[in-house]
C-alpha atoms as a PDB file:
ATOM      1  CA  MET A   1     -23.033 -11.587  34.378  1.00  0.00           C
ATOM      2  CA  MET A   2     -22.504  -8.523  36.581  1.00  0.00           C
ATOM      3  CA  LEU A   3     -19.761  -8.755  39.157  1.00  0.00           C
ATOM      4  CA  THR A   4     -20.962  -7.663  42.575  1.00  0.00           C
ATOM      5  CA  SER A   5     -18.768  -5.995  45.158  1.00  0.00           C
ATOM      6  CA  ALA A   6     -19.014  -9.169  47.250  1.00  0.00           C
ATOM      7  CA  THR A   7     -17.744 -11.280  44.331  1.00  0.00           C
ATOM      8  CA  LEU A   8     -14.897  -8.867  43.684  1.00  0.00           C
ATOM      9  CA  GLY A   9     -14.013  -8.983  47.362  1.00  0.00           C
ATOM     10  CA  VAL A  10     -13.875 -12.776  47.338  1.00  0.00           C
ATOM     11  CA  GLU A  11     -11.697 -12.805  44.201  1.00  0.00           C
ATOM     12  CA  PHE A  12      -9.368 -10.209  45.653  1.00  0.00           C
ATOM     13  CA  THR A  13      -9.013 -12.195  48.883  1.00  0.00           C
ATOM     14  CA  ARG A  14      -8.310 -15.368  46.895  1.00  0.00           C
ATOM     15  CA  ALA A  15      -5.704 -13.627  44.743  1.00  0.00           C
ATOM     16  CA  ARG A  16      -4.058 -12.113  47.809  1.00  0.00           C
ATOM     17  CA  GLY A  17      -3.966 -15.515  49.478  1.00  0.00           C
ATOM     18  CA  ARG A  18      -2.326 -17.117  46.437  1.00  0.00           C
ATOM     19  CA  ALA A  19       0.218 -14.305  46.261  1.00  0.00           C
ATOM     20  CA  ALA A  20       1.037 -14.839  49.936  1.00  0.00           C
ATOM     21  CA  ASP A  21       1.480 -18.568  49.294  1.00  0.00           C
ATOM     22  CA  PHE A  22       3.883 -17.947  46.415  1.00  0.00           C
ATOM     23  CA  ILE A  23       5.859 -15.558  48.604  1.00  0.00           C
ATOM     24  CA  SER A  24       5.978 -18.134  51.407  1.00  0.00           C
ATOM     25  CA  LEU A  25       7.528 -20.613  48.957  1.00  0.00           C
ATOM     26  CA  THR A  26      10.600 -18.370  48.897  1.00  0.00           C
ATOM     27  CA  LYS A  27      11.016 -18.544  52.713  1.00  0.00           C
ATOM     28  CA  PRO A  28      11.418 -14.763  53.173  1.00  0.00           C
ATOM     29  CA  ARG A  29      13.159 -14.993  56.553  1.00  0.00           C
ATOM     30  CA  ILE A  30      15.912 -17.189  55.117  1.00  0.00           C
ATOM     31  CA  VAL A  31      16.196 -14.931  52.062  1.00  0.00           C
ATOM     32  CA  MET A  32      16.629 -11.969  54.405  1.00  0.00           C
ATOM     33  CA  MET A  33      19.521 -13.722  56.158  1.00  0.00           C
ATOM     34  CA  VAL A  34      21.042 -14.532  52.756  1.00  0.00           C
ATOM     35  CA  LEU A  35      20.782 -10.879  51.720  1.00  0.00           C
ATOM     36  CA  LEU A  36      22.295  -9.624  54.968  1.00  0.00           C
ATOM     37  CA  THR A  37      25.367 -11.848  54.597  1.00  0.00           C
ATOM     38  CA  ALA A  38      25.679 -11.107  50.871  1.00  0.00           C
ATOM     39  CA  CYS A  39      25.467  -7.381  51.651  1.00  0.00           C
ATOM     40  CA  ALA A  40      28.162  -7.746  54.301  1.00  0.00           C
ATOM     41  CA  GLY A  41      30.406  -9.631  51.875  1.00  0.00           C
ATOM     42  CA  PHE A  42      29.949  -6.882  49.272  1.00  0.00           C
ATOM     43  CA  TYR A  43      30.620  -4.061  51.710  1.00  0.00           C
ATOM     44  CA  ILE A  44      33.690  -5.724  53.251  1.00  0.00           C
ATOM     45  CA  GLY A  45      35.083  -6.496  49.796  1.00  0.00           C
ATOM     46  CA  SER A  46      34.535  -2.973  48.493  1.00  0.00           C
ATOM     47  CA  GLY A  47      37.098  -0.208  48.608  1.00  0.00           C
ATOM     48  CA  SER A  48      36.770   2.918  50.692  1.00  0.00           C
ATOM     49  CA  THR A  49      33.579   3.936  48.855  1.00  0.00           C
ATOM     50  CA  PRO A  50      31.207   1.039  48.034  1.00  0.00           C
ATOM     51  CA  SER A  51      29.022   1.387  44.950  1.00  0.00           C
ATOM     52  CA  TYR A  52      25.502   1.331  46.323  1.00  0.00           C
ATOM     53  CA  GLY A  53      24.064   1.105  42.823  1.00  0.00           C
ATOM     54  CA  VAL A  54      25.910  -2.161  42.246  1.00  0.00           C
ATOM     55  CA  LEU A  55      24.907  -3.334  45.723  1.00  0.00           C
ATOM     56  CA  TRP A  56      21.228  -2.969  44.820  1.00  0.00           C
ATOM     57  CA  GLN A  57      21.817  -5.048  41.679  1.00  0.00           C
ATOM     58  CA  VAL A  58      23.514  -7.719  43.798  1.00  0.00           C
ATOM     59  CA  LEU A  59      20.644  -7.813  46.284  1.00  0.00           C
ATOM     60  CA  ILE A  60      18.016  -8.044  43.540  1.00  0.00           C
ATOM     61  CA  GLY A  61      19.777 -10.882  41.726  1.00  0.00           C
ATOM     62  CA  THR A  62      20.609 -12.740  44.934  1.00  0.00           C
ATOM     63  CA  ALA A  63      17.053 -12.404  46.260  1.00  0.00           C
ATOM     64  CA  LEU A  64      15.624 -13.839  43.027  1.00  0.00           C
ATOM     65  CA  ALA A  65      18.098 -16.744  42.929  1.00  0.00           C
ATOM     66  CA  ALA A  66      17.741 -17.537  46.639  1.00  0.00           C
ATOM     67  CA  GLY A  67      13.945 -17.298  46.613  1.00  0.00           C
ATOM     68  CA  GLY A  68      13.721 -19.508  43.536  1.00  0.00           C
ATOM     69  CA  THR A  69      16.080 -22.094  45.023  1.00  0.00           C
ATOM     70  CA  LEU A  70      14.073 -22.261  48.246  1.00  0.00           C
ATOM     71  CA  ALA A  71      10.834 -22.593  46.273  1.00  0.00           C
ATOM     72  CA  LEU A  72      12.327 -25.503  44.333  1.00  0.00           C
ATOM     73  CA  ASN A  73      13.430 -27.038  47.620  1.00  0.00           C
ATOM     74  CA  GLN A  74       9.839 -26.931  48.851  1.00  0.00           C
ATOM     75  CA  PHE A  75       8.757 -28.542  45.581  1.00  0.00           C
ATOM     76  CA  LEU A  76      11.271 -31.370  46.007  1.00  0.00           C
ATOM     77  CA  GLU A  77      10.420 -31.898  49.685  1.00  0.00           C
ATOM     78  CA  ARG A  78       6.651 -31.508  49.530  1.00  0.00           C
ATOM     79  CA  ASP A  79       6.157 -35.115  50.661  1.00  0.00           C
ATOM     80  CA  LEU A  80       8.475 -34.647  53.645  1.00  0.00           C
ATOM     81  CA  ASP A  81       6.785 -31.379  54.600  1.00  0.00           C
ATOM     82  CA  GLY A  82       3.442 -33.158  54.621  1.00  0.00           C
ATOM     83  CA  ARG A  83       4.684 -35.556  57.330  1.00  0.00           C
ATOM     84  CA  MET A  84       6.032 -32.924  59.725  1.00  0.00           C
ATOM     85  CA  THR A  85       3.790 -30.983  62.082  1.00  0.00           C
ATOM     86  CA  ARG A  86       5.708 -27.719  61.722  1.00  0.00           C
ATOM     87  CA  THR A  87       5.611 -27.778  57.902  1.00  0.00           C
ATOM     88  CA  GLN A  88       2.383 -29.553  56.960  1.00  0.00           C
ATOM     89  CA  LEU A  89       0.513 -26.254  56.522  1.00  0.00           C
ATOM     90  CA  ARG A  90       2.915 -24.983  53.886  1.00  0.00           C
ATOM     91  CA  PRO A  91       1.249 -24.232  50.506  1.00  0.00           C
ATOM     92  CA  LEU A  92       2.209 -27.485  48.740  1.00  0.00           C
ATOM     93  CA  PRO A  93       1.437 -30.139  51.401  1.00  0.00           C
ATOM     94  CA  ALA A  94      -1.725 -28.218  52.340  1.00  0.00           C
ATOM     95  CA  GLY A  95      -2.843 -28.288  48.683  1.00  0.00           C
ATOM     96  CA  ARG A  96      -3.180 -24.498  48.277  1.00  0.00           C
ATOM     97  CA  LEU A  97      -0.745 -24.534  45.356  1.00  0.00           C
ATOM     98  CA  HIS A  98      -0.148 -27.169  42.671  1.00  0.00           C
ATOM     99  CA  SER A  99       3.275 -28.780  42.314  1.00  0.00           C
ATOM    100  CA  ALA A 100       3.604 -27.597  38.706  1.00  0.00           C
ATOM    101  CA  GLU A 101       3.003 -24.016  39.784  1.00  0.00           C
ATOM    102  CA  ALA A 102       5.725 -24.206  42.420  1.00  0.00           C
ATOM    103  CA  LEU A 103       8.149 -25.851  39.983  1.00  0.00           C
ATOM    104  CA  LEU A 104       7.631 -23.208  37.305  1.00  0.00           C
ATOM    105  CA  PHE A 105       7.770 -20.393  39.843  1.00  0.00           C
ATOM    106  CA  GLY A 106      11.040 -21.692  41.326  1.00  0.00           C
ATOM    107  CA  VAL A 107      12.715 -22.269  37.963  1.00  0.00           C
ATOM    108  CA  VAL A 108      11.772 -18.821  36.646  1.00  0.00           C
ATOM    109  CA  LEU A 109      13.001 -17.029  39.785  1.00  0.00           C
ATOM    110  CA  THR A 110      16.270 -18.975  39.967  1.00  0.00           C
ATOM    111  CA  VAL A 111      17.161 -18.546  36.289  1.00  0.00           C
ATOM    112  CA  ALA A 112      16.162 -14.879  36.384  1.00  0.00           C
ATOM    113  CA  GLY A 113      18.375 -14.279  39.428  1.00  0.00           C
ATOM    114  CA  LEU A 114      21.410 -16.001  37.903  1.00  0.00           C
ATOM    115  CA  LEU A 115      21.035 -14.150  34.603  1.00  0.00           C
ATOM    116  CA  TYR A 116      20.498 -10.851  36.401  1.00  0.00           C
ATOM    117  CA  LEU A 117      23.722 -11.269  38.368  1.00  0.00           C
ATOM    118  CA  ALA A 118      25.661 -12.252  35.244  1.00  0.00           C
ATOM    119  CA  VAL A 119      24.410  -9.278  33.215  1.00  0.00           C
ATOM    120  CA  ALA A 120      24.008  -6.537  35.830  1.00  0.00           C
ATOM    121  CA  VAL A 121      26.914  -7.411  38.140  1.00  0.00           C
ATOM    122  CA  ASN A 122      29.617  -9.850  36.989  1.00  0.00           C
ATOM    123  CA  THR A 123      30.250 -13.468  36.068  1.00  0.00           C
ATOM    124  CA  TRP A 124      31.823 -14.514  39.365  1.00  0.00           C
ATOM    125  CA  SER A 125      28.812 -13.482  41.423  1.00  0.00           C
ATOM    126  CA  SER A 126      26.520 -15.436  39.107  1.00  0.00           C
ATOM    127  CA  VAL A 127      28.787 -18.499  39.260  1.00  0.00           C
ATOM    128  CA  ALA A 128      28.822 -18.373  43.075  1.00  0.00           C
ATOM    129  CA  ALA A 129      25.018 -18.109  43.129  1.00  0.00           C
ATOM    130  CA  ALA A 130      24.706 -21.003  40.657  1.00  0.00           C
ATOM    131  CA  VAL A 131      26.931 -23.215  42.820  1.00  0.00           C
ATOM    132  CA  THR A 132      24.802 -22.251  45.822  1.00  0.00           C
ATOM    133  CA  ALA A 133      21.570 -23.252  44.075  1.00  0.00           C
ATOM    134  CA  GLY A 134      22.981 -26.422  42.525  1.00  0.00           C
ATOM    135  CA  SER A 135      24.594 -27.790  45.693  1.00  0.00           C
ATOM    136  CA  TYR A 136      21.514 -26.982  47.770  1.00  0.00           C
ATOM    137  CA  LEU A 137      19.051 -28.661  45.417  1.00  0.00           C
ATOM    138  CA  PHE A 138      21.056 -31.578  44.010  1.00  0.00           C
ATOM    139  CA  LEU A 139      23.362 -32.488  46.906  1.00  0.00           C
ATOM    140  CA  TYR A 140      21.950 -31.333  50.236  1.00  0.00           C
ATOM    141  CA  THR A 141      18.255 -31.931  49.516  1.00  0.00           C
ATOM    142  CA  PRO A 142      18.540 -35.621  48.474  1.00  0.00           C
ATOM    143  CA  LEU A 143      21.204 -36.381  51.102  1.00  0.00           C
ATOM    144  CA  LYS A 144      18.818 -35.375  53.911  1.00  0.00           C
ATOM    145  CA  ARG A 145      17.045 -38.708  53.359  1.00  0.00           C
ATOM    146  CA  LYS A 146      20.258 -40.749  53.362  1.00  0.00           C
ATOM    147  CA  THR A 147      22.966 -39.586  55.755  1.00  0.00           C
ATOM    148  CA  ALA A 148      23.554 -37.404  58.800  1.00  0.00           C
ATOM    149  CA  LEU A 149      26.484 -35.873  56.909  1.00  0.00           C
ATOM    150  CA  CYS A 150      23.894 -33.872  54.974  1.00  0.00           C
ATOM    151  CA  VAL A 151      24.361 -31.124  57.585  1.00  0.00           C
ATOM    152  CA  VAL A 152      27.996 -30.686  56.530  1.00  0.00           C
ATOM    153  CA  VAL A 153      27.094 -30.754  52.837  1.00  0.00           C
ATOM    154  CA  GLY A 154      24.209 -28.340  53.373  1.00  0.00           C
ATOM    155  CA  ALA A 155      26.505 -25.893  55.139  1.00  0.00           C
ATOM    156  CA  VAL A 156      28.339 -25.320  51.831  1.00  0.00           C
ATOM    157  CA  PRO A 157      25.503 -23.562  49.938  1.00  0.00           C
ATOM    158  CA  GLY A 158      24.461 -21.897  53.178  1.00  0.00           C
ATOM    159  CA  ALA A 159      27.919 -20.326  53.501  1.00  0.00           C
ATOM    160  CA  LEU A 160      28.210 -18.977  49.953  1.00  0.00           C
ATOM    161  CA  PRO A 161      26.084 -15.765  50.116  1.00  0.00           C
ATOM    162  CA  PRO A 162      28.931 -13.584  51.484  1.00  0.00           C
ATOM    163  CA  VAL A 163      31.124 -15.026  48.732  1.00  0.00           C
ATOM    164  CA  ILE A 164      28.525 -13.820  46.200  1.00  0.00           C
ATOM    165  CA  GLY A 165      28.742 -10.339  47.702  1.00  0.00           C
ATOM    166  CA  TRP A 166      32.535 -10.344  47.787  1.00  0.00           C
ATOM    167  CA  ALA A 167      32.776 -11.572  44.198  1.00  0.00           C
ATOM    168  CA  ALA A 168      30.332  -8.874  43.109  1.00  0.00           C
ATOM    169  CA  ALA A 169      32.455  -6.175  44.750  1.00  0.00           C
ATOM    170  CA  THR A 170      35.884  -7.374  43.662  1.00  0.00           C
ATOM    171  CA  GLY A 171      35.343  -9.492  40.555  1.00  0.00           C
ATOM    172  CA  ARG A 172      37.444 -12.251  42.088  1.00  0.00           C
ATOM    173  CA  LEU A 173      37.429 -14.881  44.858  1.00  0.00           C
ATOM    174  CA  GLY A 174      40.185 -13.915  47.290  1.00  0.00           C
ATOM    175  CA  ILE A 175      41.209 -15.582  50.538  1.00  0.00           C
ATOM    176  CA  GLU A 176      39.107 -13.054  52.455  1.00  0.00           C
ATOM    177  CA  ALA A 177      35.959 -14.363  50.775  1.00  0.00           C
ATOM    178  CA  TRP A 178      36.769 -17.867  51.945  1.00  0.00           C
ATOM    179  CA  VAL A 179      37.261 -16.643  55.522  1.00  0.00           C
ATOM    180  CA  LEU A 180      33.711 -15.257  55.403  1.00  0.00           C
ATOM    181  CA  PHE A 181      32.623 -18.599  53.937  1.00  0.00           C
ATOM    182  CA  ALA A 182      34.343 -20.490  56.777  1.00  0.00           C
ATOM    183  CA  ILE A 183      32.636 -18.408  59.476  1.00  0.00           C
ATOM    184  CA  LEU A 184      29.177 -19.001  58.051  1.00  0.00           C
ATOM    185  CA  PHE A 185      29.951 -22.662  57.280  1.00  0.00           C
ATOM    186  CA  VAL A 186      30.959 -23.490  60.854  1.00  0.00           C
ATOM    187  CA  TRP A 187      28.155 -21.382  62.354  1.00  0.00           C
ATOM    188  CA  GLN A 188      25.523 -23.513  60.629  1.00  0.00           C
ATOM    189  CA  LEU A 189      26.670 -26.750  62.258  1.00  0.00           C
ATOM    190  CA  PRO A 190      25.721 -26.094  65.913  1.00  0.00           C
ATOM    191  CA  HIS A 191      22.712 -24.044  64.822  1.00  0.00           C
ATOM    192  CA  THR A 192      21.318 -26.860  62.661  1.00  0.00           C
ATOM    193  CA  LEU A 193      22.058 -29.600  65.197  1.00  0.00           C
ATOM    194  CA  ALA A 194      20.291 -27.644  67.943  1.00  0.00           C
ATOM    195  CA  ILE A 195      17.210 -27.210  65.739  1.00  0.00           C
ATOM    196  CA  ALA A 196      17.311 -30.926  64.907  1.00  0.00           C
ATOM    197  CA  MET A 197      17.270 -31.721  68.632  1.00  0.00           C
ATOM    198  CA  LEU A 198      14.179 -29.571  69.123  1.00  0.00           C
ATOM    199  CA  TYR A 199      12.274 -31.153  66.221  1.00  0.00           C
ATOM    200  CA  LYS A 200      13.617 -34.686  66.458  1.00  0.00           C
ATOM    201  CA  ASP A 201      10.157 -36.304  66.349  1.00  0.00           C
ATOM    202  CA  ASP A 202       9.164 -34.326  63.262  1.00  0.00           C
ATOM    203  CA  TYR A 203      12.354 -35.228  61.411  1.00  0.00           C
ATOM    204  CA  GLU A 204      11.931 -38.876  62.349  1.00  0.00           C
ATOM    205  CA  ARG A 205       8.393 -38.935  60.901  1.00  0.00           C
ATOM    206  CA  ALA A 206       9.711 -37.425  57.677  1.00  0.00           C
ATOM    207  CA  GLY A 207      12.611 -39.856  57.437  1.00  0.00           C
ATOM    208  CA  ILE A 208      15.260 -37.127  57.480  1.00  0.00           C
ATOM    209  CA  ARG A 209      18.632 -38.451  58.613  1.00  0.00           C
ATOM    210  CA  LEU A 210      20.213 -36.121  61.160  1.00  0.00           C
ATOM    211  CA  LEU A 211      22.651 -36.829  63.985  1.00  0.00           C
ATOM    212  CA  PRO A 212      20.092 -36.480  66.833  1.00  0.00           C
ATOM    213  CA  LEU A 213      18.016 -39.268  65.246  1.00  0.00           C
ATOM    214  CA  ILE A 214      20.992 -41.631  65.301  1.00  0.00           C
ATOM    215  CA  ASP A 215      22.357 -40.442  68.643  1.00  0.00           C
ATOM    216  CA  THR A 216      19.288 -41.366  70.673  1.00  0.00           C
ATOM    217  CA  ASP A 217      20.352 -39.763  73.988  1.00  0.00           C
ATOM    218  CA  ASP A 218      21.896 -36.713  72.253  1.00  0.00           C
ATOM    219  CA  THR A 219      25.242 -37.144  74.028  1.00  0.00           C
ATOM    220  CA  LEU A 220      27.305 -37.157  70.826  1.00  0.00           C
ATOM    221  CA  THR A 221      25.210 -34.341  69.375  1.00  0.00           C
ATOM    222  CA  ARG A 222      25.774 -32.087  72.384  1.00  0.00           C
ATOM    223  CA  CYS A 223      29.529 -32.786  72.357  1.00  0.00           C
ATOM    224  CA  GLN A 224      29.613 -32.048  68.639  1.00  0.00           C
ATOM    225  CA  ILE A 225      27.856 -28.730  69.244  1.00  0.00           C
ATOM    226  CA  VAL A 226      30.468 -27.720  71.835  1.00  0.00           C
ATOM    227  CA  CYS A 227      33.308 -28.636  69.463  1.00  0.00           C
ATOM    228  CA  ASP A 228      31.693 -26.708  66.620  1.00  0.00           C
ATOM    229  CA  CYS A 229      31.293 -23.637  68.834  1.00  0.00           C
ATOM    230  CA  LEU A 230      34.978 -23.830  69.792  1.00  0.00           C
ATOM    231  CA  ILE A 231      35.972 -23.980  66.139  1.00  0.00           C
ATOM    232  CA  LEU A 232      33.607 -21.108  65.337  1.00  0.00           C
ATOM    233  CA  LEU A 233      35.180 -19.003  68.069  1.00  0.00           C
ATOM    234  CA  ALA A 234      38.614 -19.483  66.515  1.00  0.00           C
ATOM    235  CA  VAL A 235      37.484 -18.979  62.912  1.00  0.00           C
ATOM    236  CA  SER A 236      35.511 -15.839  63.754  1.00  0.00           C
ATOM    237  CA  LEU A 237      38.741 -14.116  64.873  1.00  0.00           C
ATOM    238  CA  LEU A 238      40.448 -14.587  61.489  1.00  0.00           C
ATOM    239  CA  PRO A 239      39.214 -11.345  59.860  1.00  0.00           C
ATOM    240  CA  THR A 240      41.260  -9.270  62.322  1.00  0.00           C
ATOM    241  CA  LEU A 241      44.224 -11.647  62.232  1.00  0.00           C
ATOM    242  CA  MET A 242      44.239 -11.448  58.424  1.00  0.00           C
ATOM    243  CA  GLY A 243      43.970  -7.684  58.394  1.00  0.00           C
ATOM    244  CA  PHE A 244      40.564  -6.926  56.895  1.00  0.00           C
ATOM    245  CA  ALA A 245      38.815  -6.156  60.206  1.00  0.00           C
ATOM    246  CA  GLY A 246      40.002  -4.097  63.151  1.00  0.00           C
ATOM    247  CA  PRO A 247      40.424  -4.645  66.918  1.00  0.00           C
ATOM    248  CA  PHE A 248      36.854  -3.571  67.699  1.00  0.00           C
ATOM    249  CA  TYR A 249      35.605  -6.524  65.637  1.00  0.00           C
ATOM    250  CA  PHE A 250      38.107  -8.844  67.342  1.00  0.00           C
ATOM    251  CA  VAL A 251      36.860  -7.989  70.847  1.00  0.00           C
ATOM    252  CA  GLY A 252      33.213  -8.255  69.781  1.00  0.00           C
ATOM    253  CA  ALA A 253      33.742 -11.584  67.989  1.00  0.00           C
ATOM    254  CA  LEU A 254      35.583 -12.953  71.036  1.00  0.00           C
ATOM    255  CA  MET A 255      32.751 -11.990  73.382  1.00  0.00           C
ATOM    256  CA  LEU A 256      30.066 -13.353  71.049  1.00  0.00           C
ATOM    257  CA  GLY A 257      31.988 -16.584  70.588  1.00  0.00           C
ATOM    258  CA  ILE A 258      32.463 -17.086  74.313  1.00  0.00           C
ATOM    259  CA  GLY A 259      28.763 -16.389  74.870  1.00  0.00           C
ATOM    260  CA  LEU A 260      27.702 -18.988  72.298  1.00  0.00           C
ATOM    261  CA  LEU A 261      30.192 -21.483  73.693  1.00  0.00           C
ATOM    262  CA  GLY A 262      28.746 -20.902  77.159  1.00  0.00           C
ATOM    263  CA  CYS A 263      25.249 -21.661  75.841  1.00  0.00           C
ATOM    264  CA  ALA A 264      26.565 -24.851  74.204  1.00  0.00           C
ATOM    265  CA  CYS A 265      28.228 -25.975  77.450  1.00  0.00           C
ATOM    266  CA  ALA A 266      25.043 -25.274  79.424  1.00  0.00           C
ATOM    267  CA  CYS A 267      23.095 -27.278  76.854  1.00  0.00           C
ATOM    268  CA  THR A 268      25.511 -30.199  77.344  1.00  0.00           C
ATOM    269  CA  ILE A 269      25.622 -30.074  81.141  1.00  0.00           C
ATOM    270  CA  ARG A 270      21.973 -29.414  81.988  1.00  0.00           C
ATOM    271  CA  ARG A 271      20.490 -31.238  78.971  1.00  0.00           C
ATOM    272  CA  SER A 272      17.235 -29.262  79.048  1.00  0.00           C
ATOM    273  CA  THR A 273      15.038 -28.175  76.146  1.00  0.00           C
ATOM    274  CA  ALA A 274      15.148 -24.601  77.430  1.00  0.00           C
ATOM    275  CA  ASP A 275      18.933 -24.579  77.051  1.00  0.00           C
ATOM    276  CA  VAL A 276      18.691 -25.898  73.493  1.00  0.00           C
ATOM    277  CA  LYS A 277      16.226 -23.129  72.626  1.00  0.00           C
ATOM    278  CA  ARG A 278      18.559 -20.592  74.224  1.00  0.00           C
ATOM    279  CA  LEU A 279      21.403 -21.917  72.069  1.00  0.00           C
ATOM    280  CA  VAL A 280      19.341 -21.522  68.899  1.00  0.00           C
ATOM    281  CA  PHE A 281      18.434 -17.958  69.888  1.00  0.00           C
ATOM    282  CA  ALA A 282      22.044 -17.116  70.762  1.00  0.00           C
ATOM    283  CA  SER A 283      23.251 -18.388  67.384  1.00  0.00           C
ATOM    284  CA  LEU A 284      20.628 -16.259  65.604  1.00  0.00           C
ATOM    285  CA  VAL A 285      21.931 -13.227  67.481  1.00  0.00           C
ATOM    286  CA  GLN A 286      25.600 -14.034  66.952  1.00  0.00           C
ATOM    287  CA  LEU A 287      25.658 -14.301  63.161  1.00  0.00           C
ATOM    288  CA  PRO A 288      24.220 -10.900  62.202  1.00  0.00           C
ATOM    289  CA  ALA A 289      26.156  -9.318  65.071  1.00  0.00           C
ATOM    290  CA  LEU A 290      29.427 -10.746  63.743  1.00  0.00           C
ATOM    291  CA  PHE A 291      28.856  -9.448  60.232  1.00  0.00           C
ATOM    292  CA  LEU A 292      27.643  -6.075  61.492  1.00  0.00           C
ATOM    293  CA  LEU A 293      30.786  -5.684  63.592  1.00  0.00           C
ATOM    294  CA  MET A 294      32.885  -6.678  60.598  1.00  0.00           C
ATOM    295  CA  VAL A 295      31.188  -4.070  58.423  1.00  0.00           C
ATOM    296  CA  LEU A 296      31.584  -1.342  61.062  1.00  0.00           C
ATOM    297  CA  ASP A 297      35.241  -2.143  61.718  1.00  0.00           C
ATOM    298  CA  ARG A 298      36.389  -3.205  58.270  1.00  0.00           C
ATOM    299  CA  VAL A 299      39.799  -2.313  56.946  1.00  0.00           C
ATOM    300  CA  PRO A 300      39.417  -1.269  53.262  1.00  0.00           C
ATOM    301  CA  MET A 301      41.445  -3.549  51.010  1.00  0.00           C
END
């Protein structure tokens, strides 16, 4: 049977749609944040002249491992996604992709990323990426259905990307890498709690256990956010105090920390949805700004 141009057009559109769905399984925006923090960790951990060839290898391996892990997360949570308004149109709950396809896709990407890091970069970077994937999939993901402490557990894999970059640059896991880990770990707590406040109804329908669902009037949640922002302000100053970032970073981190803390206090005092949204936005600005300042004002080790 002859293929007409119309038939070819339909097939091309279908193939493009499936490709877009597979890409969406990897959550590209989250992968981009992972790559930015991994890149910062690599650059800060490098000597006076970073190896950009190695950096590209790190980014490729990390992107594969992170994308695969996030695809597997969507596979494991496809039933939860189907219950939430903001996620029910994702490829798996919407039925555009089969579960087996997503599972195979996620496994192949994750394994490929871990092997790529081990072969093209070094063992430590691959180990850090493996711990990230394992803790995200086998600790954080199931705990979301059981306890509000899942946010703390989930902050561990979320804070490891700069450690991957540092390990790739240095071949070791020094105290500096754990300072980067601590900054990203603490940052996730107020950010995640604020998002949970915005989508409380969705999370309740899905049966995800987060603090705002237990704290019905959000009083404890808002106080927790303020405390987390205070801790983040202190932790974010450590790079200068420990000697691997300069005074320019210190001033910038102090101003960013005070700004985020101000948003958290406004969120607690006024208790409006607009203030919660402003807090989420401020946190999304603060994190890349912190790491950019650290990169620009790093002190070569």
